[in-house]
Amino acid sequence: MLEDAAGIRRVVIACGYVDLRKGIDGLSMIIGDRYHQNPFEKGTLFLFCGRRSDRIKGLLWMGDGFLQLYKRLEAGSLSWPRTSEEAADLTEEQFRYLMMGLNPLNPKVREVTPQKPT
């Protein structure tokens, strides 16, 4: 599914906190310096989360430039793994868990249930 939509073959989640005020250059530096990964790896989506846990940023090298993605939840928050300062590869199923508000590395634990605004 992800590969069909944007050519995404790999999803990497940056555990811990990241300052979401950073743009493409700042996030690509974090990928290289803190997580020792190559931000120019085509087809790899890197995901970041700030302290508020209601928004995430994604960075994807498209071969000729970066695509920056941003998602903000209107209600609820994401269950983001915070205990590690490492990057973890996600399977497509774990990515779906993350988008449902579950911790992708431990989906049985649900901290906050996203709710529709009334």
N, C-alpha and C. Protein backbone atom coordinates (compact mmCIF):
# COMPACT_ATOMS: atom_id res chain seq x y z
N MET A 1 0.82 -1.19 0.00
CA MET A 1 0.00 0.00 0.00
C MET A 1 0.86 1.26 0.00
N LEU A 2 1.81 1.37 0.96
CA LEU A 2 2.65 2.56 1.02
C LEU A 2 3.52 2.69 -0.23
N GLU A 3 4.02 1.57 -0.71
CA GLU A 3 4.87 1.62 -1.89
C GLU A 3 4.08 2.08 -3.11
N ASP A 4 2.84 1.67 -3.21
CA ASP A 4 2.00 2.09 -4.33
C ASP A 4 1.72 3.59 -4.30
N ALA A 5 1.49 4.13 -3.11
CA ALA A 5 1.09 5.52 -2.98
C ALA A 5 2.23 6.50 -3.26
N ALA A 6 3.40 6.26 -2.70
CA ALA A 6 4.49 7.24 -2.84
C ALA A 6 5.85 6.60 -3.03
N GLY A 7 5.89 5.33 -3.34
CA GLY A 7 7.17 4.66 -3.51
C GLY A 7 7.88 4.40 -2.20
N ILE A 8 7.14 4.32 -1.10
CA ILE A 8 7.73 4.11 0.22
C ILE A 8 7.96 2.61 0.41
N ARG A 9 9.21 2.25 0.61
CA ARG A 9 9.56 0.85 0.83
C ARG A 9 9.95 0.58 2.28
N ARG A 10 10.26 1.64 3.01
CA ARG A 10 10.73 1.48 4.39
C ARG A 10 10.25 2.67 5.20
N VAL A 11 9.79 2.41 6.44
CA VAL A 11 9.37 3.46 7.36
C VAL A 11 10.24 3.37 8.59
N VAL A 12 10.86 4.49 8.96
CA VAL A 12 11.73 4.55 10.14
C VAL A 12 11.14 5.57 11.10
N ILE A 13 10.93 5.15 12.33
CA ILE A 13 10.37 6.03 13.35
C ILE A 13 11.51 6.49 14.26
N ALA A 14 11.58 7.80 14.48
CA ALA A 14 12.57 8.38 15.38
C ALA A 14 11.99 8.38 16.78
N CYS A 15 12.39 7.41 17.60
CA CYS A 15 11.89 7.33 18.97
C CYS A 15 12.39 8.53 19.76
N GLY A 16 11.67 8.89 20.80
CA GLY A 16 12.04 10.05 21.59
C GLY A 16 11.39 11.30 21.05
N TYR A 17 11.92 12.46 21.44
CA TYR A 17 11.35 13.75 21.08
C TYR A 17 12.20 14.43 20.02
N VAL A 18 11.53 15.15 19.11
CA VAL A 18 12.21 15.96 18.11
C VAL A 18 11.49 17.30 18.06
N ASP A 19 12.26 18.38 17.93
CA ASP A 19 11.69 19.71 17.80
C ASP A 19 11.05 19.84 16.42
N LEU A 20 9.73 19.89 16.37
CA LEU A 20 9.03 19.91 15.09
C LEU A 20 9.07 21.27 14.40
N ARG A 21 9.71 22.25 15.00
CA ARG A 21 9.91 23.52 14.32
C ARG A 21 10.98 23.39 13.22
N LYS A 22 11.76 22.32 13.29
CA LYS A 22 12.80 22.09 12.30
C LYS A 22 12.17 21.79 10.94
N GLY A 23 12.85 22.24 9.91
CA GLY A 23 12.41 21.99 8.55
C GLY A 23 13.18 20.83 7.94
N ILE A 24 13.22 20.80 6.64
CA ILE A 24 13.86 19.70 5.92
C ILE A 24 15.34 19.58 6.27
N ASP A 25 16.06 20.69 6.26
CA ASP A 25 17.50 20.64 6.55
C ASP A 25 17.77 20.17 7.97
N GLY A 26 17.02 20.69 8.94
CA GLY A 26 17.22 20.29 10.33
C GLY A 26 16.88 18.83 10.58
N LEU A 27 15.79 18.36 9.99
CA LEU A 27 15.40 16.96 10.17
C LEU A 27 16.39 16.02 9.48
N SER A 28 16.89 16.40 8.31
CA SER A 28 17.86 15.53 7.64
C SER A 28 19.17 15.47 8.42
N MET A 29 19.54 16.56 9.10
CA MET A 29 20.74 16.54 9.97
C MET A 29 20.52 15.60 11.16
N ILE A 30 19.33 15.59 11.73
CA ILE A 30 19.03 14.69 12.84
C ILE A 30 19.12 13.24 12.37
N ILE A 31 18.60 12.96 11.19
CA ILE A 31 18.66 11.59 10.65
C ILE A 31 20.10 11.13 10.56
N GLY A 32 20.97 11.98 10.04
CA GLY A 32 22.38 11.61 9.88
C GLY A 32 23.16 11.61 11.17
N ASP A 33 23.04 12.69 11.96
CA ASP A 33 23.87 12.85 13.15
C ASP A 33 23.41 11.99 14.33
N ARG A 34 22.13 12.07 14.68
CA ARG A 34 21.65 11.36 15.86
C ARG A 34 21.37 9.88 15.59
N TYR A 35 20.79 9.58 14.42
CA TYR A 35 20.35 8.21 14.15
C TYR A 35 21.27 7.45 13.19
N HIS A 36 22.31 8.13 12.68
CA HIS A 36 23.31 7.50 11.82
C HIS A 36 22.68 6.76 10.63
N GLN A 37 21.72 7.43 10.01
CA GLN A 37 21.05 6.88 8.84
C GLN A 37 21.25 7.86 7.68
N ASN A 38 21.00 7.41 6.48
CA ASN A 38 21.16 8.23 5.29
C ASN A 38 19.82 8.87 4.92
N PRO A 39 19.67 10.20 5.08
CA PRO A 39 18.39 10.83 4.74
C PRO A 39 18.09 10.81 3.24
N PHE A 40 19.09 10.52 2.41
CA PHE A 40 18.91 10.48 0.96
C PHE A 40 18.63 9.08 0.44
N GLU A 41 18.21 8.19 1.31
CA GLU A 41 17.85 6.83 0.90
C GLU A 41 16.46 6.87 0.28
N LYS A 42 16.41 6.66 -1.03
CA LYS A 42 15.14 6.77 -1.75
C LYS A 42 14.16 5.71 -1.28
N GLY A 43 12.93 6.13 -1.03
CA GLY A 43 11.89 5.22 -0.60
C GLY A 43 11.81 5.01 0.89
N THR A 44 12.61 5.75 1.68
CA THR A 44 12.58 5.61 3.14
C THR A 44 11.89 6.83 3.74
N LEU A 45 10.81 6.59 4.46
CA LEU A 45 10.06 7.64 5.14
C LEU A 45 10.52 7.68 6.59
N PHE A 46 11.05 8.83 7.02
CA PHE A 46 11.46 9.03 8.41
C PHE A 46 10.37 9.82 9.12
N LEU A 47 9.91 9.31 10.27
CA LEU A 47 8.83 9.95 11.02
C LEU A 47 9.35 10.50 12.35
N PHE A 48 8.88 11.70 12.71
CA PHE A 48 9.30 12.40 13.93
C PHE A 48 8.07 12.87 14.69
N CYS A 49 8.21 12.97 16.02
CA CYS A 49 7.12 13.45 16.86
C CYS A 49 7.68 14.41 17.91
N GLY A 50 6.93 15.46 18.20
CA GLY A 50 7.32 16.41 19.22
C GLY A 50 6.76 16.01 20.58
N ARG A 51 6.87 16.91 21.54
CA ARG A 51 6.43 16.61 22.92
C ARG A 51 4.91 16.55 23.05
N ARG A 52 4.18 17.27 22.22
CA ARG A 52 2.72 17.32 22.37
C ARG A 52 2.03 16.04 21.93
N SER A 53 2.66 15.25 21.09
CA SER A 53 2.16 13.96 20.63
C SER A 53 0.86 14.04 19.83
N ASP A 54 0.49 15.22 19.39
CA ASP A 54 -0.71 15.31 18.55
C ASP A 54 -0.35 15.65 17.10
N ARG A 55 0.94 15.68 16.80
CA ARG A 55 1.39 15.96 15.44
C ARG A 55 2.70 15.25 15.14
N ILE A 56 2.85 14.88 13.89
CA ILE A 56 4.08 14.22 13.46
C ILE A 56 4.53 14.85 12.14
N LYS A 57 5.83 14.73 11.88
CA LYS A 57 6.40 15.14 10.62
C LYS A 57 7.07 13.94 9.98
N GLY A 58 7.01 13.91 8.67
CA GLY A 58 7.68 12.87 7.91
C GLY A 58 8.58 13.49 6.88
N LEU A 59 9.69 12.81 6.60
CA LEU A 59 10.64 13.27 5.60
C LEU A 59 10.95 12.12 4.67
N LEU A 60 10.79 12.36 3.37
CA LEU A 60 10.96 11.33 2.36
C LEU A 60 11.77 11.89 1.20
N TRP A 61 12.90 11.23 0.88
CA TRP A 61 13.70 11.61 -0.28
C TRP A 61 13.06 10.98 -1.52
N MET A 62 12.72 11.81 -2.51
CA MET A 62 12.02 11.35 -3.70
C MET A 62 12.96 11.08 -4.88
N GLY A 63 14.25 11.28 -4.68
CA GLY A 63 15.21 11.08 -5.74
C GLY A 63 15.67 12.40 -6.34
N ASP A 64 14.79 13.38 -6.40
CA ASP A 64 15.15 14.69 -6.94
C ASP A 64 14.85 15.81 -5.94
N GLY A 65 14.44 15.45 -4.74
CA GLY A 65 14.13 16.42 -3.70
C GLY A 65 13.39 15.74 -2.55
N PHE A 66 13.24 16.49 -1.46
CA PHE A 66 12.56 15.97 -0.28
C PHE A 66 11.07 16.28 -0.32
N LEU A 67 10.29 15.37 0.22
CA LEU A 67 8.87 15.58 0.47
C LEU A 67 8.71 15.61 1.98
N GLN A 68 8.15 16.70 2.51
CA GLN A 68 7.92 16.81 3.94
C GLN A 68 6.44 16.66 4.20
N LEU A 69 6.10 15.75 5.09
CA LEU A 69 4.71 15.47 5.43
C LEU A 69 4.43 15.96 6.85
N TYR A 70 3.21 16.36 7.10
CA TYR A 70 2.84 16.86 8.42
C TYR A 70 1.42 16.39 8.72
N LYS A 71 1.26 15.82 9.90
CA LYS A 71 -0.08 15.39 10.31
C LYS A 71 -0.35 15.93 11.71
N ARG A 72 -1.53 16.54 11.88
CA ARG A 72 -1.95 17.03 13.18
C ARG A 72 -3.32 16.42 13.50
N LEU A 73 -3.40 15.78 14.64
CA LEU A 73 -4.68 15.21 15.07
C LEU A 73 -5.54 16.32 15.67
N GLU A 74 -6.80 16.32 15.33
CA GLU A 74 -7.72 17.30 15.88
C GLU A 74 -8.15 16.95 17.30
N ALA A 75 -8.15 15.67 17.62
CA ALA A 75 -8.52 15.21 18.97
C ALA A 75 -7.68 13.99 19.30
N GLY A 76 -7.29 13.86 20.55
CA GLY A 76 -6.48 12.72 20.98
C GLY A 76 -5.01 12.95 20.69
N SER A 77 -4.23 11.91 20.88
CA SER A 77 -2.80 12.00 20.63
C SER A 77 -2.26 10.64 20.22
N LEU A 78 -1.05 10.66 19.68
CA LEU A 78 -0.38 9.44 19.25
C LEU A 78 0.34 8.81 20.44
N SER A 79 0.42 7.52 20.44
CA SER A 79 1.21 6.81 21.44
C SER A 79 2.57 6.56 20.81
N TRP A 80 3.50 7.46 21.06
CA TRP A 80 4.82 7.44 20.41
C TRP A 80 5.85 6.83 21.35
N PRO A 81 6.68 5.91 20.87
CA PRO A 81 7.72 5.34 21.74
C PRO A 81 8.73 6.41 22.15
N ARG A 82 8.87 6.64 23.44
CA ARG A 82 9.72 7.72 23.95
C ARG A 82 10.95 7.23 24.70
N THR A 83 11.04 5.95 24.98
CA THR A 83 12.08 5.46 25.88
C THR A 83 13.45 5.35 25.23
N SER A 84 13.53 5.41 23.94
CA SER A 84 14.80 5.19 23.25
C SER A 84 15.15 6.40 22.40
N GLU A 85 16.42 6.64 22.23
CA GLU A 85 16.88 7.69 21.33
C GLU A 85 17.39 7.07 20.04
N GLU A 86 16.82 5.96 19.66
CA GLU A 86 17.23 5.27 18.46
C GLU A 86 16.13 5.35 17.42
N ALA A 87 16.46 4.95 16.22
CA ALA A 87 15.47 4.86 15.15
C ALA A 87 15.08 3.40 14.98
N ALA A 88 13.80 3.16 14.77
CA ALA A 88 13.31 1.79 14.63
C ALA A 88 12.59 1.65 13.29
N ASP A 89 12.86 0.56 12.58
CA ASP A 89 12.14 0.27 11.34
C ASP A 89 10.76 -0.24 11.67
N LEU A 90 9.77 0.23 10.92
CA LEU A 90 8.39 -0.21 11.10
C LEU A 90 7.95 -1.05 9.91
N THR A 91 7.15 -2.04 10.21
CA THR A 91 6.50 -2.79 9.14
C THR A 91 5.27 -1.99 8.70
N GLU A 92 4.67 -2.39 7.61
CA GLU A 92 3.46 -1.70 7.15
C GLU A 92 2.35 -1.81 8.20
N GLU A 93 2.26 -2.96 8.86
CA GLU A 93 1.26 -3.15 9.90
C GLU A 93 1.53 -2.22 11.09
N GLN A 94 2.78 -2.07 11.50
CA GLN A 94 3.12 -1.17 12.60
C GLN A 94 2.82 0.28 12.22
N PHE A 95 3.03 0.65 10.96
CA PHE A 95 2.70 1.99 10.50
C PHE A 95 1.20 2.24 10.63
N ARG A 96 0.39 1.25 10.28
CA ARG A 96 -1.06 1.38 10.45
C ARG A 96 -1.43 1.54 11.92
N TYR A 97 -0.77 0.78 12.81
CA TYR A 97 -1.02 0.93 14.26
C TYR A 97 -0.74 2.37 14.69
N LEU A 98 0.37 2.92 14.23
CA LEU A 98 0.74 4.29 14.59
C LEU A 98 -0.33 5.27 14.14
N MET A 99 -0.83 5.12 12.92
CA MET A 99 -1.85 6.02 12.40
C MET A 99 -3.19 5.86 13.11
N MET A 100 -3.40 4.72 13.80
CA MET A 100 -4.62 4.50 14.57
C MET A 100 -4.47 5.02 16.00
N GLY A 101 -3.28 5.53 16.36
CA GLY A 101 -3.06 6.05 17.71
C GLY A 101 -2.43 5.06 18.66
N LEU A 102 -2.02 3.90 18.14
CA LEU A 102 -1.38 2.89 18.98
C LEU A 102 0.13 3.03 18.94
N ASN A 103 0.80 2.57 19.98
CA ASN A 103 2.25 2.51 19.98
C ASN A 103 2.66 1.41 19.01
N PRO A 104 3.35 1.75 17.92
CA PRO A 104 3.66 0.72 16.92
C PRO A 104 4.61 -0.36 17.40
N LEU A 105 5.41 -0.07 18.42
CA LEU A 105 6.35 -1.06 18.93
C LEU A 105 5.73 -1.93 20.01
N ASN A 106 4.58 -1.52 20.54
CA ASN A 106 3.84 -2.29 21.53
C ASN A 106 2.36 -1.97 21.37
N PRO A 107 1.71 -2.49 20.32
CA PRO A 107 0.35 -2.05 19.98
C PRO A 107 -0.72 -2.45 20.97
N LYS A 108 -0.43 -3.33 21.91
CA LYS A 108 -1.44 -3.73 22.88
C LYS A 108 -1.69 -2.65 23.93
N VAL A 109 -0.74 -1.73 24.09
CA VAL A 109 -0.87 -0.66 25.05
C VAL A 109 -1.41 0.56 24.34
N ARG A 110 -2.56 1.02 24.74
CA ARG A 110 -3.17 2.22 24.13
C ARG A 110 -3.29 3.27 25.21
N GLU A 111 -2.52 4.35 25.07
CA GLU A 111 -2.48 5.38 26.09
C GLU A 111 -3.67 6.34 26.01
N VAL A 112 -3.96 6.81 24.82
CA VAL A 112 -5.05 7.77 24.63
C VAL A 112 -5.85 7.35 23.41
N THR A 113 -7.16 7.39 23.53
CA THR A 113 -8.03 7.04 22.42
C THR A 113 -8.39 8.31 21.65
N PRO A 114 -8.00 8.38 20.36
CA PRO A 114 -8.43 9.56 19.57
C PRO A 114 -9.95 9.59 19.48
N GLN A 115 -10.52 10.78 19.61
CA GLN A 115 -11.97 10.93 19.56
C GLN A 115 -12.33 11.95 18.49
N LYS A 116 -13.48 11.75 17.89
CA LYS A 116 -13.97 12.71 16.91
C LYS A 116 -14.49 13.93 17.66
N PRO A 117 -14.23 15.12 17.10
CA PRO A 117 -14.79 16.31 17.73
C PRO A 117 -16.31 16.32 17.61
N THR A 118 -16.96 16.83 18.61
CA THR A 118 -18.44 16.88 18.59
C THR A 118 -18.93 18.25 18.27
